[in-house]
């Protein structure tokens, strides 16, 4: 699982360093998926009994990583939607999604 997380981080970093806005948005989204898998893999089974009286179990699942994973999914969706709207608006106004051409508009 850690190899898959590393591959997703590498792909996300590569896409974030590109020149077009759509690739940057996809890179941020893939990076978020890597974080989700990292949180999921770090929240494995815990040893010892659960903090409940009357149960004699030897292992349990910690709910905190699952709550963090759901929060990360919502944040990833919201940032992806915001970036898509902003890049669409920039493309409609300026006619390009290339960052080098967007910089030339800034200099004018």
PDB file of N, CA and C in Angstrom:
ATOM      1  N   UNK A   1       0.827  -1.192   0.000  1.00  0.00           N
ATOM      2  CA  UNK A   1       0.000   0.000   0.000  1.00  0.00           C
ATOM      3  C   UNK A   1       0.872   1.257   0.000  1.00  0.00           C
ATOM      4  N   UNK A   2       1.997   1.199   0.703  1.00  0.00           N
ATOM      5  CA  UNK A   2       2.862   2.380   0.757  1.00  0.00           C
ATOM      6  C   UNK A   2       3.487   2.683  -0.600  1.00  0.00           C
ATOM      7  N   UNK A   3       3.692   1.665  -1.417  1.00  0.00           N
ATOM      8  CA  UNK A   3       4.234   1.890  -2.762  1.00  0.00           C
ATOM      9  C   UNK A   3       3.198   2.627  -3.626  1.00  0.00           C
ATOM     10  N   UNK A   4       1.942   2.251  -3.494  1.00  0.00           N
ATOM     11  CA  UNK A   4       0.875   2.920  -4.242  1.00  0.00           C
ATOM     12  C   UNK A   4       0.753   4.378  -3.803  1.00  0.00           C
ATOM     13  N   UNK A   5       0.864   4.623  -2.498  1.00  0.00           N
ATOM     14  CA  UNK A   5       0.811   5.992  -1.990  1.00  0.00           C
ATOM     15  C   UNK A   5       1.978   6.803  -2.542  1.00  0.00           C
ATOM     16  N   UNK A   6       3.173   6.225  -2.566  1.00  0.00           N
ATOM     17  CA  UNK A   6       4.335   6.908  -3.122  1.00  0.00           C
ATOM     18  C   UNK A   6       4.182   7.204  -4.601  1.00  0.00           C
ATOM     19  N   UNK A   7       3.606   6.249  -5.346  1.00  0.00           N
ATOM     20  CA  UNK A   7       3.377   6.469  -6.777  1.00  0.00           C
ATOM     21  C   UNK A   7       2.368   7.593  -6.991  1.00  0.00           C
ATOM     22  N   UNK A   8       1.295   7.609  -6.194  1.00  0.00           N
ATOM     23  CA  UNK A   8       0.308   8.685  -6.324  1.00  0.00           C
ATOM     24  C   UNK A   8       0.915  10.046  -5.972  1.00  0.00           C
ATOM     25  N   UNK A   9       1.748  10.096  -4.941  1.00  0.00           N
ATOM     26  CA  UNK A   9       2.425  11.346  -4.597  1.00  0.00           C
ATOM     27  C   UNK A   9       3.347  11.800  -5.724  1.00  0.00           C
ATOM     28  N   UNK A  10       4.069  10.852  -6.341  1.00  0.00           N
ATOM     29  CA  UNK A  10       4.980  11.198  -7.435  1.00  0.00           C
ATOM     30  C   UNK A  10       4.201  11.715  -8.650  1.00  0.00           C
ATOM     31  N   UNK A  11       3.112  11.044  -8.997  1.00  0.00           N
ATOM     32  CA  UNK A  11       2.302  11.487 -10.134  1.00  0.00           C
ATOM     33  C   UNK A  11       1.681  12.848  -9.847  1.00  0.00           C
ATOM     34  N   UNK A  12       1.166  13.029  -8.639  1.00  0.00           N
ATOM     35  CA  UNK A  12       0.575  14.316  -8.272  1.00  0.00           C
ATOM     36  C   UNK A  12       1.586  15.443  -8.303  1.00  0.00           C
ATOM     37  N   UNK A  13       2.793  15.193  -7.803  1.00  0.00           N
ATOM     38  CA  UNK A  13       3.839  16.212  -7.827  1.00  0.00           C
ATOM     39  C   UNK A  13       4.239  16.546  -9.256  1.00  0.00           C
ATOM     40  N   UNK A  14       4.353  15.537 -10.110  1.00  0.00           N
ATOM     41  CA  UNK A  14       4.696  15.774 -11.511  1.00  0.00           C
ATOM     42  C   UNK A  14       3.638  16.636 -12.198  1.00  0.00           C
ATOM     43  N   UNK A  15       2.367  16.330 -11.932  1.00  0.00           N
ATOM     44  CA  UNK A  15       1.299  17.105 -12.573  1.00  0.00           C
ATOM     45  C   UNK A  15       1.198  18.518 -12.009  1.00  0.00           C
ATOM     46  N   UNK A  16       1.470  18.698 -10.721  1.00  0.00           N
ATOM     47  CA  UNK A  16       1.424  20.036 -10.131  1.00  0.00           C
ATOM     48  C   UNK A  16       2.513  20.925 -10.724  1.00  0.00           C
ATOM     49  N   UNK A  17       3.628  20.358 -11.110  1.00  0.00           N
ATOM     50  CA  UNK A  17       4.735  21.142 -11.659  1.00  0.00           C
ATOM     51  C   UNK A  17       4.601  21.423 -13.157  1.00  0.00           C
ATOM     52  N   UNK A  18       3.485  21.069 -13.769  1.00  0.00           N
ATOM     53  CA  UNK A  18       3.305  21.326 -15.196  1.00  0.00           C
ATOM     54  C   UNK A  18       2.812  22.753 -15.424  1.00  0.00           C
ATOM     55  N   UNK A  19       2.599  23.109 -16.703  1.00  0.00           N
ATOM     56  CA  UNK A  19       2.279  24.494 -17.055  1.00  0.00           C
ATOM     57  C   UNK A  19       0.798  24.764 -17.275  1.00  0.00           C
ATOM     58  N   UNK A  20      -0.019  23.733 -17.418  1.00  0.00           N
ATOM     59  CA  UNK A  20      -1.432  23.972 -17.689  1.00  0.00           C
ATOM     60  C   UNK A  20      -2.253  23.816 -16.412  1.00  0.00           C
ATOM     61  N   UNK A  21      -3.309  24.614 -16.337  1.00  0.00           N
ATOM     62  CA  UNK A  21      -4.122  24.625 -15.120  1.00  0.00           C
ATOM     63  C   UNK A  21      -4.858  23.311 -14.899  1.00  0.00           C
ATOM     64  N   UNK A  22      -5.326  22.668 -15.955  1.00  0.00           N
ATOM     65  CA  UNK A  22      -6.061  21.414 -15.790  1.00  0.00           C
ATOM     66  C   UNK A  22      -5.162  20.321 -15.215  1.00  0.00           C
ATOM     67  N   UNK A  23      -3.921  20.252 -15.663  1.00  0.00           N
ATOM     68  CA  UNK A  23      -2.998  19.263 -15.108  1.00  0.00           C
ATOM     69  C   UNK A  23      -2.682  19.552 -13.647  1.00  0.00           C
ATOM     70  N   UNK A  24      -2.593  20.810 -13.298  1.00  0.00           N
ATOM     71  CA  UNK A  24      -2.343  21.174 -11.895  1.00  0.00           C
ATOM     72  C   UNK A  24      -3.525  20.743 -11.028  1.00  0.00           C
ATOM     73  N   UNK A  25      -4.735  20.941 -11.519  1.00  0.00           N
ATOM     74  CA  UNK A  25      -5.920  20.534 -10.773  1.00  0.00           C
ATOM     75  C   UNK A  25      -5.970  19.019 -10.621  1.00  0.00           C
ATOM     76  N   UNK A  26      -5.667  18.293 -11.683  1.00  0.00           N
ATOM     77  CA  UNK A  26      -5.627  16.831 -11.595  1.00  0.00           C
ATOM     78  C   UNK A  26      -4.532  16.368 -10.643  1.00  0.00           C
ATOM     79  N   UNK A  27      -3.394  17.070 -10.629  1.00  0.00           N
ATOM     80  CA  UNK A  27      -2.312  16.725  -9.708  1.00  0.00           C
ATOM     81  C   UNK A  27      -2.705  16.920  -8.259  1.00  0.00           C
ATOM     82  N   UNK A  28      -3.400  17.999  -7.968  1.00  0.00           N
ATOM     83  CA  UNK A  28      -3.872  18.241  -6.597  1.00  0.00           C
ATOM     84  C   UNK A  28      -4.875  17.165  -6.189  1.00  0.00           C
ATOM     85  N   UNK A  29      -5.742  16.780  -7.108  1.00  0.00           N
ATOM     86  CA  UNK A  29      -6.723  15.739  -6.814  1.00  0.00           C
ATOM     87  C   UNK A  29      -6.054  14.388  -6.578  1.00  0.00           C
ATOM     88  N   UNK A  30      -5.094  14.034  -7.408  1.00  0.00           N
ATOM     89  CA  UNK A  30      -4.373  12.763  -7.222  1.00  0.00           C
ATOM     90  C   UNK A  30      -3.558  12.791  -5.938  1.00  0.00           C
ATOM     91  N   UNK A  31      -2.983  13.933  -5.622  1.00  0.00           N
ATOM     92  CA  UNK A  31      -2.254  14.082  -4.361  1.00  0.00           C
ATOM     93  C   UNK A  31      -3.203  13.863  -3.177  1.00  0.00           C
ATOM     94  N   UNK A  32      -4.425  14.375  -3.281  1.00  0.00           N
ATOM     95  CA  UNK A  32      -5.426  14.156  -2.239  1.00  0.00           C
ATOM     96  C   UNK A  32      -5.803  12.697  -2.089  1.00  0.00           C
ATOM     97  N   UNK A  33      -5.898  11.973  -3.211  1.00  0.00           N
ATOM     98  CA  UNK A  33      -6.184  10.542  -3.144  1.00  0.00           C
ATOM     99  C   UNK A  33      -5.038   9.789  -2.466  1.00  0.00           C
ATOM    100  N   UNK A  34      -3.805  10.231  -2.716  1.00  0.00           N
ATOM    101  CA  UNK A  34      -2.666   9.626  -2.027  1.00  0.00           C
ATOM    102  C   UNK A  34      -2.725   9.847  -0.526  1.00  0.00           C
ATOM    103  N   UNK A  35      -3.142  11.044  -0.119  1.00  0.00           N
ATOM    104  CA  UNK A  35      -3.300  11.332   1.316  1.00  0.00           C
ATOM    105  C   UNK A  35      -4.396  10.460   1.906  1.00  0.00           C
ATOM    106  N   UNK A  36      -5.488  10.263   1.167  1.00  0.00           N
ATOM    107  CA  UNK A  36      -6.567   9.398   1.658  1.00  0.00           C
ATOM    108  C   UNK A  36      -6.082   7.969   1.867  1.00  0.00           C
ATOM    109  N   UNK A  37      -5.330   7.441   0.916  1.00  0.00           N
ATOM    110  CA  UNK A  37      -4.793   6.088   1.076  1.00  0.00           C
ATOM    111  C   UNK A  37      -3.789   6.011   2.223  1.00  0.00           C
ATOM    112  N   UNK A  38      -3.008   7.068   2.408  1.00  0.00           N
ATOM    113  CA  UNK A  38      -2.060   7.098   3.523  1.00  0.00           C
ATOM    114  C   UNK A  38      -2.796   7.066   4.861  1.00  0.00           C
ATOM    115  N   UNK A  39      -3.840   7.872   4.990  1.00  0.00           N
ATOM    116  CA  UNK A  39      -4.627   7.855   6.227  1.00  0.00           C
ATOM    117  C   UNK A  39      -5.292   6.504   6.454  1.00  0.00           C
ATOM    118  N   UNK A  40      -5.786   5.897   5.387  1.00  0.00           N
ATOM    119  CA  UNK A  40      -6.440   4.601   5.510  1.00  0.00           C
ATOM    120  C   UNK A  40      -5.461   3.515   5.921  1.00  0.00           C
ATOM    121  N   UNK A  41      -4.274   3.533   5.364  1.00  0.00           N
ATOM    122  CA  UNK A  41      -3.294   2.494   5.696  1.00  0.00           C
ATOM    123  C   UNK A  41      -2.689   2.694   7.084  1.00  0.00           C
ATOM    124  N   UNK A  42      -2.661   3.924   7.584  1.00  0.00           N
ATOM    125  CA  UNK A  42      -2.103   4.165   8.919  1.00  0.00           C
ATOM    126  C   UNK A  42      -3.092   3.825  10.029  1.00  0.00           C
ATOM    127  N   UNK A  43      -4.356   3.713   9.718  1.00  0.00           N
ATOM    128  CA  UNK A  43      -5.367   3.420  10.736  1.00  0.00           C
ATOM    129  C   UNK A  43      -5.716   1.952  10.795  1.00  0.00           C
ATOM    130  N   UNK A  44      -4.747   1.092  10.974  1.00  0.00           N
ATOM    131  CA  UNK A  44      -4.980  -0.348  11.004  1.00  0.00           C
ATOM    132  C   UNK A  44      -5.601  -0.806  12.312  1.00  0.00           C
ATOM    133  N   UNK A  45      -5.570  -2.116  12.535  1.00  0.00           N
ATOM    134  CA  UNK A  45      -6.124  -2.686  13.760  1.00  0.00           C
ATOM    135  C   UNK A  45      -5.224  -2.349  14.934  1.00  0.00           C
ATOM    136  N   UNK A  46      -5.835  -2.041  16.053  1.00  0.00           N
ATOM    137  CA  UNK A  46      -5.100  -1.733  17.274  1.00  0.00           C
ATOM    138  C   UNK A  46      -5.110  -2.957  18.172  1.00  0.00           C
ATOM    139  N   UNK A  47      -4.054  -3.118  18.940  1.00  0.00           N
ATOM    140  CA  UNK A  47      -3.964  -4.228  19.884  1.00  0.00           C
ATOM    141  C   UNK A  47      -4.564  -3.807  21.212  1.00  0.00           C
ATOM    142  N   UNK A  48      -5.018  -4.775  21.969  1.00  0.00           N
ATOM    143  CA  UNK A  48      -5.656  -4.494  23.241  1.00  0.00           C
ATOM    144  C   UNK A  48      -7.159  -4.434  23.075  1.00  0.00           C
ATOM    145  N   UNK A  49      -7.854  -4.221  24.142  1.00  0.00           N
ATOM    146  CA  UNK A  49      -9.305  -4.192  24.096  1.00  0.00           C
ATOM    147  C   UNK A  49      -9.832  -2.819  23.743  1.00  0.00           C
ATOM    148  N   UNK A  50     -11.025  -2.764  23.195  1.00  0.00           N
ATOM    149  CA  UNK A  50     -11.637  -1.465  22.911  1.00  0.00           C
ATOM    150  C   UNK A  50     -12.025  -0.775  24.217  1.00  0.00           C
ATOM    151  N   UNK A  51     -12.182   0.518  24.197  1.00  0.00           N
ATOM    152  CA  UNK A  51     -12.519   1.223  25.426  1.00  0.00           C
ATOM    153  C   UNK A  51     -14.009   1.113  25.782  1.00  0.00           C
ATOM    154  N   UNK A  52     -14.548  -0.093  25.727  1.00  0.00           N
ATOM    155  CA  UNK A  52     -15.944  -0.337  26.077  1.00  0.00           C
ATOM    156  C   UNK A  52     -15.989  -1.373  27.199  1.00  0.00           C
ATOM    157  N   UNK A  53     -16.811  -1.139  28.178  1.00  0.00           N
ATOM    158  CA  UNK A  53     -16.932  -2.070  29.292  1.00  0.00           C
ATOM    159  C   UNK A  53     -17.804  -3.251  28.894  1.00  0.00           C
ATOM    160  N   UNK A  54     -17.431  -4.418  29.321  1.00  0.00           N
ATOM    161  CA  UNK A  54     -18.230  -5.600  29.065  1.00  0.00           C
ATOM    162  C   UNK A  54     -17.848  -6.357  27.809  1.00  0.00           C
ATOM    163  N   UNK A  55     -16.915  -5.871  27.014  1.00  0.00           N
ATOM    164  CA  UNK A  55     -16.483  -6.574  25.803  1.00  0.00           C
ATOM    165  C   UNK A  55     -15.081  -7.132  26.017  1.00  0.00           C
ATOM    166  N   UNK A  56     -14.863  -8.346  25.560  1.00  0.00           N
ATOM    167  CA  UNK A  56     -13.564  -9.000  25.721  1.00  0.00           C
ATOM    168  C   UNK A  56     -12.911  -9.243  24.363  1.00  0.00           C
ATOM    169  N   UNK A  57     -12.832  -8.240  23.529  1.00  0.00           N
ATOM    170  CA  UNK A  57     -12.214  -8.363  22.211  1.00  0.00           C
ATOM    171  C   UNK A  57     -10.722  -8.100  22.329  1.00  0.00           C
ATOM    172  N   UNK A  58      -9.939  -8.686  21.412  1.00  0.00           N
ATOM    173  CA  UNK A  58      -8.489  -8.490  21.462  1.00  0.00           C
ATOM    174  C   UNK A  58      -8.005  -7.430  20.483  1.00  0.00           C
ATOM    175  N   UNK A  59      -8.798  -7.079  19.494  1.00  0.00           N
ATOM    176  CA  UNK A  59      -8.404  -6.035  18.544  1.00  0.00           C
ATOM    177  C   UNK A  59      -9.633  -5.202  18.182  1.00  0.00           C
ATOM    178  N   UNK A  60      -9.384  -3.977  17.754  1.00  0.00           N
ATOM    179  CA  UNK A  60     -10.477  -3.087  17.392  1.00  0.00           C
ATOM    180  C   UNK A  60      -9.977  -2.113  16.346  1.00  0.00           C
ATOM    181  N   UNK A  61     -10.884  -1.424  15.714  1.00  0.00           N
ATOM    182  CA  UNK A  61     -10.543  -0.425  14.709  1.00  0.00           C
ATOM    183  C   UNK A  61     -10.735   0.954  15.305  1.00  0.00           C
ATOM    184  N   UNK A  62      -9.718   1.789  15.165  1.00  0.00           N
ATOM    185  CA  UNK A  62      -9.789   3.143  15.684  1.00  0.00           C
ATOM    186  C   UNK A  62     -10.643   3.994  14.745  1.00  0.00           C
ATOM    187  N   UNK A  63     -11.675   4.676  15.231  1.00  0.00           N
ATOM    188  CA  UNK A  63     -12.540   5.458  14.345  1.00  0.00           C
ATOM    189  C   UNK A  63     -11.937   6.801  13.927  1.00  0.00           C
ATOM    190  N   UNK A  64     -10.881   7.267  14.573  1.00  0.00           N
ATOM    191  CA  UNK A  64     -10.320   8.572  14.246  1.00  0.00           C
ATOM    192  C   UNK A  64      -9.765   8.648  12.819  1.00  0.00           C
ATOM    193  N   UNK A  65      -8.978   7.666  12.346  1.00  0.00           N
ATOM    194  CA  UNK A  65      -8.525   7.751  10.945  1.00  0.00           C
ATOM    195  C   UNK A  65      -9.665   7.724   9.935  1.00  0.00           C
ATOM    196  N   UNK A  66     -10.746   7.024  10.250  1.00  0.00           N
ATOM    197  CA  UNK A  66     -11.885   6.997   9.341  1.00  0.00           C
ATOM    198  C   UNK A  66     -12.561   8.361   9.286  1.00  0.00           C
ATOM    199  N   UNK A  67     -12.664   9.025  10.421  1.00  0.00           N
ATOM    200  CA  UNK A  67     -13.243  10.375  10.439  1.00  0.00           C
ATOM    201  C   UNK A  67     -12.334  11.348   9.698  1.00  0.00           C
ATOM    202  N   UNK A  68     -11.014  11.211   9.870  1.00  0.00           N
ATOM    203  CA  UNK A  68     -10.083  12.062   9.135  1.00  0.00           C
ATOM    204  C   UNK A  68     -10.161  11.799   7.643  1.00  0.00           C
ATOM    205  N   UNK A  69     -10.371  10.553   7.257  1.00  0.00           N
ATOM    206  CA  UNK A  69     -10.486  10.202   5.842  1.00  0.00           C
ATOM    207  C   UNK A  69     -11.729  10.835   5.224  1.00  0.00           C
ATOM    208  N   UNK A  70     -12.854  10.772   5.925  1.00  0.00           N
ATOM    209  CA  UNK A  70     -14.060  11.410   5.401  1.00  0.00           C
ATOM    210  C   UNK A  70     -13.887  12.917   5.278  1.00  0.00           C
ATOM    211  N   UNK A  71     -13.224  13.525   6.253  1.00  0.00           N
ATOM    212  CA  UNK A  71     -12.957  14.961   6.189  1.00  0.00           C
ATOM    213  C   UNK A  71     -12.041  15.289   5.023  1.00  0.00           C
ATOM    214  N   UNK A  72     -11.017  14.464   4.802  1.00  0.00           N
ATOM    215  CA  UNK A  72     -10.090  14.696   3.692  1.00  0.00           C
ATOM    216  C   UNK A  72     -10.783  14.548   2.340  1.00  0.00           C
ATOM    217  N   UNK A  73     -11.722  13.621   2.237  1.00  0.00           N
ATOM    218  CA  UNK A  73     -12.463  13.454   0.986  1.00  0.00           C
ATOM    219  C   UNK A  73     -13.294  14.702   0.686  1.00  0.00           C
ATOM    220  N   UNK A  74     -13.960  15.228   1.698  1.00  0.00           N
ATOM    221  CA  UNK A  74     -14.786  16.420   1.500  1.00  0.00           C
ATOM    222  C   UNK A  74     -13.921  17.626   1.137  1.00  0.00           C
ATOM    223  N   UNK A  75     -12.786  17.785   1.820  1.00  0.00           N
ATOM    224  CA  UNK A  75     -11.889  18.910   1.522  1.00  0.00           C
ATOM    225  C   UNK A  75     -11.310  18.769   0.122  1.00  0.00           C
ATOM    226  N   UNK A  76     -10.934  17.559  -0.282  1.00  0.00           N
ATOM    227  CA  UNK A  76     -10.396  17.320  -1.624  1.00  0.00           C
ATOM    228  C   UNK A  76     -11.440  17.650  -2.684  1.00  0.00           C
ATOM    229  N   UNK A  77     -12.675  17.248  -2.457  1.00  0.00           N
ATOM    230  CA  UNK A  77     -13.741  17.548  -3.411  1.00  0.00           C
ATOM    231  C   UNK A  77     -13.974  19.055  -3.511  1.00  0.00           C
ATOM    232  N   UNK A  78     -13.984  19.727  -2.379  1.00  0.00           N
ATOM    233  CA  UNK A  78     -14.245  21.169  -2.378  1.00  0.00           C
ATOM    234  C   UNK A  78     -13.120  21.941  -3.065  1.00  0.00           C
ATOM    235  N   UNK A  79     -11.877  21.597  -2.790  1.00  0.00           N
ATOM    236  CA  UNK A  79     -10.768  22.315  -3.430  1.00  0.00           C
ATOM    237  C   UNK A  79     -10.721  22.022  -4.927  1.00  0.00           C
ATOM    238  N   UNK A  80     -11.023  20.786  -5.322  1.00  0.00           N
ATOM    239  CA  UNK A  80     -11.050  20.465  -6.753  1.00  0.00           C
ATOM    240  C   UNK A  80     -12.147  21.247  -7.458  1.00  0.00           C
ATOM    241  N   UNK A  81     -13.316  21.328  -6.855  1.00  0.00           N
ATOM    242  CA  UNK A  81     -14.414  22.091  -7.455  1.00  0.00           C
ATOM    243  C   UNK A  81     -14.057  23.574  -7.549  1.00  0.00           C
ATOM    244  N   UNK A  82     -13.456  24.123  -6.496  1.00  0.00           N
ATOM    245  CA  UNK A  82     -13.059  25.533  -6.519  1.00  0.00           C
ATOM    246  C   UNK A  82     -12.013  25.793  -7.592  1.00  0.00           C
ATOM    247  N   UNK A  83     -11.008  24.934  -7.693  1.00  0.00           N
ATOM    248  CA  UNK A  83      -9.970  25.110  -8.714  1.00  0.00           C
ATOM    249  C   UNK A  83     -10.550  24.993 -10.115  1.00  0.00           C
ATOM    250  N   UNK A  84     -11.486  24.061 -10.325  1.00  0.00           N
ATOM    251  CA  UNK A  84     -12.095  23.920 -11.641  1.00  0.00           C
ATOM    252  C   UNK A  84     -12.886  25.159 -12.026  1.00  0.00           C
ATOM    253  N   UNK A  85     -13.634  25.721 -11.092  1.00  0.00           N
ATOM    254  CA  UNK A  85     -14.403  26.932 -11.385  1.00  0.00           C
ATOM    255  C   UNK A  85     -13.471  28.101 -11.680  1.00  0.00           C
ATOM    256  N   UNK A  86     -12.417  28.257 -10.900  1.00  0.00           N
ATOM    257  CA  UNK A  86     -11.482  29.357 -11.125  1.00  0.00           C
ATOM    258  C   UNK A  86     -10.742  29.214 -12.454  1.00  0.00           C
ATOM    259  N   UNK A  87     -10.340  27.991 -12.784  1.00  0.00           N
ATOM    260  CA  UNK A  87      -9.631  27.811 -14.053  1.00  0.00           C
ATOM    261  C   UNK A  87     -10.567  27.986 -15.242  1.00  0.00           C
ATOM    262  N   UNK A  88     -11.827  27.567 -15.114  1.00  0.00           N
ATOM    263  CA  UNK A  88     -12.792  27.777 -16.189  1.00  0.00           C
ATOM    264  C   UNK A  88     -13.032  29.267 -16.404  1.00  0.00           C
ATOM    265  N   UNK A  89     -13.148  29.997 -15.318  1.00  0.00           N
ATOM    266  CA  UNK A  89     -13.355  31.449 -15.427  1.00  0.00           C
ATOM    267  C   UNK A  89     -12.129  32.123 -16.055  1.00  0.00           C
ATOM    268  N   UNK A  90     -10.942  31.711 -15.663  1.00  0.00           N
ATOM    269  CA  UNK A  90      -9.733  32.283 -16.255  1.00  0.00           C
ATOM    270  C   UNK A  90      -9.645  31.949 -17.740  1.00  0.00           C
ATOM    271  N   UNK A  91     -10.060  30.738 -18.111  1.00  0.00           N
ATOM    272  CA  UNK A  91     -10.041  30.367 -19.518  1.00  0.00           C
ATOM    273  C   UNK A  91     -11.076  31.166 -20.320  1.00  0.00           C
ATOM    274  N   UNK A  92     -12.255  31.385 -19.742  1.00  0.00           N
ATOM    275  CA  UNK A  92     -13.281  32.164 -20.436  1.00  0.00           C
ATOM    276  C   UNK A  92     -12.855  33.614 -20.621  1.00  0.00           C
ATOM    277  N   UNK A  93     -12.219  34.208 -19.617  1.00  0.00           N
ATOM    278  CA  UNK A  93     -11.844  35.616 -19.683  1.00  0.00           C
ATOM    279  C   UNK A  93     -10.591  35.802 -20.534  1.00  0.00           C
ATOM    280  N   UNK A  94      -9.574  34.964 -20.325  1.00  0.00           N
ATOM    281  CA  UNK A  94      -8.284  35.174 -20.972  1.00  0.00           C
ATOM    282  C   UNK A  94      -8.076  34.320 -22.215  1.00  0.00           C
ATOM    283  N   UNK A  95      -8.827  33.244 -22.369  1.00  0.00           N
ATOM    284  CA  UNK A  95      -8.719  32.421 -23.565  1.00  0.00           C
ATOM    285  C   UNK A  95      -7.588  31.422 -23.541  1.00  0.00           C
ATOM    286  N   UNK A  96      -6.956  31.192 -22.396  1.00  0.00           N
ATOM    287  CA  UNK A  96      -5.868  30.228 -22.318  1.00  0.00           C
ATOM    288  C   UNK A  96      -5.815  29.632 -20.920  1.00  0.00           C
ATOM    289  N   UNK A  97      -5.191  28.456 -20.831  1.00  0.00           N
ATOM    290  CA  UNK A  97      -4.955  27.863 -19.519  1.00  0.00           C
ATOM    291  C   UNK A  97      -3.469  27.604 -19.281  1.00  0.00           C
ATOM    292  N   UNK A  98      -2.624  28.145 -20.144  1.00  0.00           N
ATOM    293  CA  UNK A  98      -1.175  28.017 -19.998  1.00  0.00           C
ATOM    294  C   UNK A  98      -0.669  29.078 -19.015  1.00  0.00           C
ATOM    295  N   UNK A  99       0.102  28.647 -18.031  1.00  0.00           N
ATOM    296  CA  UNK A  99       0.560  29.579 -16.998  1.00  0.00           C
ATOM    297  C   UNK A  99       1.538  30.618 -17.530  1.00  0.00           C
ATOM    298  N   UNK A 100       2.324  30.274 -18.537  1.00  0.00           N
ATOM    299  CA  UNK A 100       3.258  31.248 -19.109  1.00  0.00           C
ATOM    300  C   UNK A 100       2.493  32.386 -19.801  1.00  0.00           C
ATOM    301  N   UNK A 101       1.426  32.039 -20.507  1.00  0.00           N
ATOM    302  CA  UNK A 101       0.616  33.078 -21.152  1.00  0.00           C
ATOM    303  C   UNK A 101      -0.163  33.885 -20.123  1.00  0.00           C
ATOM    304  N   UNK A 102      -0.584  33.254 -19.032  1.00  0.00           N
ATOM    305  CA  UNK A 102      -1.277  33.989 -17.970  1.00  0.00           C
ATOM    306  C   UNK A 102      -0.339  34.990 -17.301  1.00  0.00           C
ATOM    307  N   UNK A 103       0.944  34.661 -17.205  1.00  0.00           N
ATOM    308  CA  UNK A 103       1.916  35.604 -16.640  1.00  0.00           C
ATOM    309  C   UNK A 103       2.100  36.798 -17.543  1.00  0.00           C
ATOM    310  N   UNK A 104       2.029  36.588 -18.842  1.00  0.00           N
ATOM    311  CA  UNK A 104       2.179  37.720 -19.756  1.00  0.00           C
ATOM    312  C   UNK A 104       0.994  38.688 -19.623  1.00  0.00           C
ATOM    313  N   UNK A 105      -0.197  38.178 -19.295  1.00  0.00           N
ATOM    314  CA  UNK A 105      -1.344  39.047 -19.038  1.00  0.00           C
ATOM    315  C   UNK A 105      -1.138  39.858 -17.759  1.00  0.00           C
ATOM    316  N   UNK A 106      -0.439  39.291 -16.800  1.00  0.00           N
ATOM    317  CA  UNK A 106      -0.187  39.964 -15.531  1.00  0.00           C
ATOM    318  C   UNK A 106       0.770  41.127 -15.722  1.00  0.00           C
ATOM    319  N   UNK A 107       1.744  41.011 -16.626  1.00  0.00           N
ATOM    320  CA  UNK A 107       2.738  42.057 -16.859  1.00  0.00           C
ATOM    321  C   UNK A 107       2.131  43.274 -17.557  1.00  0.00           C
ATOM    322  N   UNK A 108       1.042  43.081 -18.286  1.00  0.00           N
ATOM    323  CA  UNK A 108       0.446  44.193 -19.042  1.00  0.00           C
ATOM    324  C   UNK A 108      -0.336  45.135 -18.184  1.00  0.00           C
TER     325      UNK A 108
END
